[in-house]
N, C-alpha and C. Protein backbone atom coordinates (compact mmCIF):
# COMPACT_ATOMS: atom_id res chain seq x y z
N UNK A 1 -68.99 37.53 38.38
CA UNK A 1 -68.02 36.40 38.81
C UNK A 1 -68.07 35.47 37.67
N UNK A 2 -67.14 34.56 37.23
CA UNK A 2 -67.33 33.27 36.67
C UNK A 2 -67.35 32.31 37.11
N UNK A 3 -67.60 32.34 38.55
CA UNK A 3 -67.74 31.00 39.25
C UNK A 3 -68.08 30.84 40.52
N UNK A 4 -69.06 30.45 41.36
CA UNK A 4 -69.20 30.24 42.45
C UNK A 4 -68.53 29.30 43.10
N UNK A 5 -68.34 29.77 45.00
CA UNK A 5 -67.77 29.44 45.87
C UNK A 5 -68.18 27.61 45.93
N UNK A 6 -67.35 26.93 45.83
CA UNK A 6 -68.32 25.61 46.20
C UNK A 6 -67.15 24.97 47.35
N UNK A 7 -66.47 25.49 48.12
CA UNK A 7 -65.53 24.93 49.21
C UNK A 7 -65.56 25.65 50.06
N UNK A 8 -66.33 24.29 51.53
CA UNK A 8 -66.54 25.10 52.61
C UNK A 8 -65.21 26.05 53.26
N UNK A 9 -64.60 27.18 54.35
CA UNK A 9 -63.93 27.50 54.95
C UNK A 9 -62.60 26.31 55.53
N UNK A 10 -63.33 25.17 56.16
CA UNK A 10 -62.39 24.80 56.59
C UNK A 10 -61.75 23.86 55.76
N UNK A 11 -62.49 23.56 54.44
CA UNK A 11 -61.80 22.44 53.84
C UNK A 11 -60.83 23.37 52.88
N UNK A 12 -60.96 24.80 52.30
CA UNK A 12 -59.97 25.65 51.98
C UNK A 12 -58.51 25.99 52.34
N UNK A 13 -59.08 26.67 54.03
CA UNK A 13 -57.71 26.16 55.03
C UNK A 13 -56.97 24.61 54.72
N UNK A 14 -57.24 23.36 54.43
CA UNK A 14 -56.96 22.30 54.59
C UNK A 14 -55.92 21.92 53.43
N UNK A 15 -56.87 22.68 52.29
CA UNK A 15 -56.17 22.58 50.76
C UNK A 15 -54.99 23.14 51.02
N UNK A 16 -54.91 24.62 51.48
CA UNK A 16 -54.14 25.64 51.77
C UNK A 16 -53.01 24.73 52.32
N UNK A 17 -53.43 24.65 53.38
CA UNK A 17 -52.20 24.29 54.43
C UNK A 17 -51.41 22.67 53.66
N UNK A 18 -52.20 22.11 52.91
CA UNK A 18 -51.46 20.49 52.63
C UNK A 18 -51.24 20.69 51.03
N UNK A 19 -51.70 22.35 50.69
CA UNK A 19 -50.57 22.28 48.88
C UNK A 19 -49.60 23.39 49.68
N UNK A 20 -49.29 23.31 50.63
CA UNK A 20 -47.64 24.77 50.81
C UNK A 20 -47.01 23.30 51.28
N UNK A 21 -47.51 22.62 51.69
CA UNK A 21 -46.49 21.17 52.68
C UNK A 21 -46.29 20.64 51.62
N UNK A 22 -46.75 20.12 50.27
CA UNK A 22 -46.24 20.01 49.30
C UNK A 22 -45.25 20.39 48.29
N UNK A 23 -45.68 21.44 48.28
CA UNK A 23 -44.35 22.34 47.38
C UNK A 23 -43.55 22.52 48.58
N UNK A 24 -43.22 22.35 49.68
CA UNK A 24 -41.97 22.64 50.65
C UNK A 24 -41.21 21.21 50.36
N UNK A 25 -42.55 20.11 50.11
CA UNK A 25 -41.83 18.67 50.23
C UNK A 25 -41.10 18.48 48.58
N UNK A 26 -41.88 19.10 47.75
CA UNK A 26 -40.65 18.93 46.18
C UNK A 26 -39.80 19.94 46.26
N UNK A 27 -39.77 21.16 47.06
CA UNK A 27 -38.70 22.04 47.42
C UNK A 27 -37.76 21.52 47.95
N UNK A 28 -37.79 20.85 48.94
CA UNK A 28 -36.60 20.23 50.12
C UNK A 28 -36.29 18.38 49.46
N UNK A 29 -36.89 18.57 48.71
CA UNK A 29 -36.65 16.92 48.71
C UNK A 29 -36.35 16.57 46.54
N UNK A 30 -35.89 17.91 46.48
CA UNK A 30 -35.74 17.42 44.93
C UNK A 30 -34.57 16.66 44.83
N UNK A 31 -34.02 16.36 45.08
CA UNK A 31 -32.52 16.21 44.85
C UNK A 31 -32.94 13.91 45.64
N UNK A 32 -33.27 13.98 46.35
CA UNK A 32 -33.55 13.09 47.28
C UNK A 32 -34.29 12.18 46.63
N UNK A 33 -35.66 12.89 46.40
CA UNK A 33 -36.95 12.12 45.87
C UNK A 33 -36.92 11.88 44.37
N UNK A 34 -35.94 12.54 43.51
CA UNK A 34 -36.10 12.21 41.93
C UNK A 34 -36.78 13.16 41.34
N UNK A 35 -36.41 13.50 40.07
CA UNK A 35 -37.20 14.83 39.75
C UNK A 35 -38.53 14.70 39.09
N UNK A 36 -39.09 13.39 38.61
CA UNK A 36 -40.65 13.10 38.23
C UNK A 36 -41.70 13.21 39.72
N UNK A 37 -40.97 12.43 40.91
CA UNK A 37 -41.47 12.72 41.85
C UNK A 37 -42.02 14.13 42.11
N UNK A 38 -40.32 14.59 42.11
CA UNK A 38 -41.04 16.31 43.13
C UNK A 38 -41.59 17.15 42.35
N UNK A 39 -41.42 17.31 40.89
CA UNK A 39 -42.34 17.96 39.96
C UNK A 39 -43.99 17.86 40.05
N UNK A 40 -44.39 16.07 40.48
CA UNK A 40 -45.96 15.44 40.21
C UNK A 40 -46.34 16.46 41.76
N UNK A 41 -45.64 16.15 42.63
CA UNK A 41 -46.16 16.54 44.12
C UNK A 41 -45.86 18.16 43.98
N UNK A 42 -45.05 18.72 43.46
CA UNK A 42 -44.98 20.00 43.28
C UNK A 42 -46.42 20.92 42.58
N UNK A 43 -47.26 20.07 41.57
CA UNK A 43 -48.20 20.72 40.17
C UNK A 43 -49.55 19.78 41.48
N UNK A 44 -49.31 18.83 42.38
CA UNK A 44 -50.77 18.37 42.76
C UNK A 44 -50.37 19.78 44.26
N UNK A 45 -49.21 20.02 44.86
CA UNK A 45 -48.86 21.10 45.93
C UNK A 45 -49.57 22.65 45.26
N UNK A 46 -49.55 22.92 44.49
CA UNK A 46 -49.89 24.33 43.70
C UNK A 46 -50.87 23.90 43.02
N UNK A 47 -51.91 23.26 42.38
CA UNK A 47 -52.89 22.93 42.63
C UNK A 47 -54.34 23.16 43.43
N UNK A 48 -54.05 22.47 45.04
CA UNK A 48 -54.74 22.00 45.97
C UNK A 48 -54.51 23.36 46.51
N UNK A 49 -53.43 24.43 46.26
CA UNK A 49 -53.14 25.67 47.47
C UNK A 49 -53.92 26.66 46.51
N UNK A 50 -53.84 26.68 44.95
CA UNK A 50 -54.74 27.26 44.51
C UNK A 50 -56.09 27.09 44.11
N UNK A 51 -56.90 25.85 44.72
CA UNK A 51 -58.25 25.76 44.38
C UNK A 51 -58.77 26.49 46.33
N UNK A 52 -58.00 26.28 47.02
CA UNK A 52 -58.21 26.36 48.00
C UNK A 52 -57.81 27.83 48.36
N UNK A 53 -57.12 28.79 47.69
CA UNK A 53 -56.78 30.31 47.32
C UNK A 53 -58.38 30.98 47.15
N UNK A 54 -59.03 30.10 46.03
CA UNK A 54 -60.04 30.93 45.03
C UNK A 54 -61.33 30.04 45.49
N UNK A 55 -61.28 28.99 46.84
CA UNK A 55 -62.43 28.43 46.84
C UNK A 55 -63.13 27.35 45.83
N UNK A 56 -62.98 27.61 45.17
CA UNK A 56 -63.13 26.81 43.50
C UNK A 56 -63.20 25.53 42.91
N UNK A 57 -63.82 24.20 43.01
CA UNK A 57 -62.94 23.07 42.87
C UNK A 57 -63.24 22.60 41.52
N UNK A 58 -62.91 22.85 39.89
CA UNK A 58 -63.45 22.71 38.75
C UNK A 58 -63.55 20.92 39.71
N UNK A 59 -63.30 20.21 40.11
CA UNK A 59 -63.47 18.67 40.03
C UNK A 59 -64.75 18.39 40.68
N UNK A 60 -64.82 19.58 41.91
CA UNK A 60 -66.37 18.92 42.70
C UNK A 60 -67.88 19.97 41.92
N UNK A 61 -67.66 20.69 40.99
CA UNK A 61 -68.13 21.44 40.27
C UNK A 61 -68.87 20.68 39.12
N UNK A 62 -67.76 19.81 38.87
CA UNK A 62 -68.92 18.61 37.63
C UNK A 62 -69.47 17.92 38.22
N UNK A 63 -69.00 17.60 39.69
CA UNK A 63 -70.25 16.42 40.01
C UNK A 63 -71.67 17.06 40.76
N UNK A 64 -71.16 18.54 40.54
CA UNK A 64 -72.75 19.35 41.02
C UNK A 64 -72.61 19.70 42.53
N UNK A 65 -71.46 19.82 43.24
CA UNK A 65 -71.50 20.04 44.67
C UNK A 65 -71.26 21.60 44.80
N UNK A 66 -71.99 21.57 45.68
CA UNK A 66 -72.56 23.31 45.89
C UNK A 66 -72.49 23.73 47.71
N UNK A 67 -72.34 24.51 47.84
CA UNK A 67 -71.74 25.14 49.29
C UNK A 67 -73.48 25.20 49.53
N UNK A 68 -74.16 25.11 50.72
CA UNK A 68 -75.22 25.10 51.18
C UNK A 68 -75.91 26.25 52.08
N UNK A 69 -74.59 27.33 52.03
CA UNK A 69 -74.93 28.70 52.75
C UNK A 69 -74.03 28.09 54.31
N UNK A 70 -73.86 27.63 54.91
CA UNK A 70 -73.52 27.29 56.49
C UNK A 70 -72.05 27.29 56.52
N UNK A 71 -71.25 26.53 55.15
CA UNK A 71 -69.71 26.76 55.30
C UNK A 71 -69.02 27.62 54.96
N UNK A 72 -69.46 28.96 54.66
CA UNK A 72 -69.06 30.00 54.86
C UNK A 72 -68.50 30.52 55.21
């Protein structure tokens, strides 16, 4: 494995839920929110959903965050 998971289970679930909510907002509000805002929200939603699915956050890894074994 090229990475070690650094997100606990509760945070992974929260990131997936928030990412899907962001993607849904971008899809539903595409015409009313404006193109730039919809694209930005869609990118953030996709990033959150992917980090939740993989259980690895590159920004958390840069600051040295690691799981202590209790959060798995």
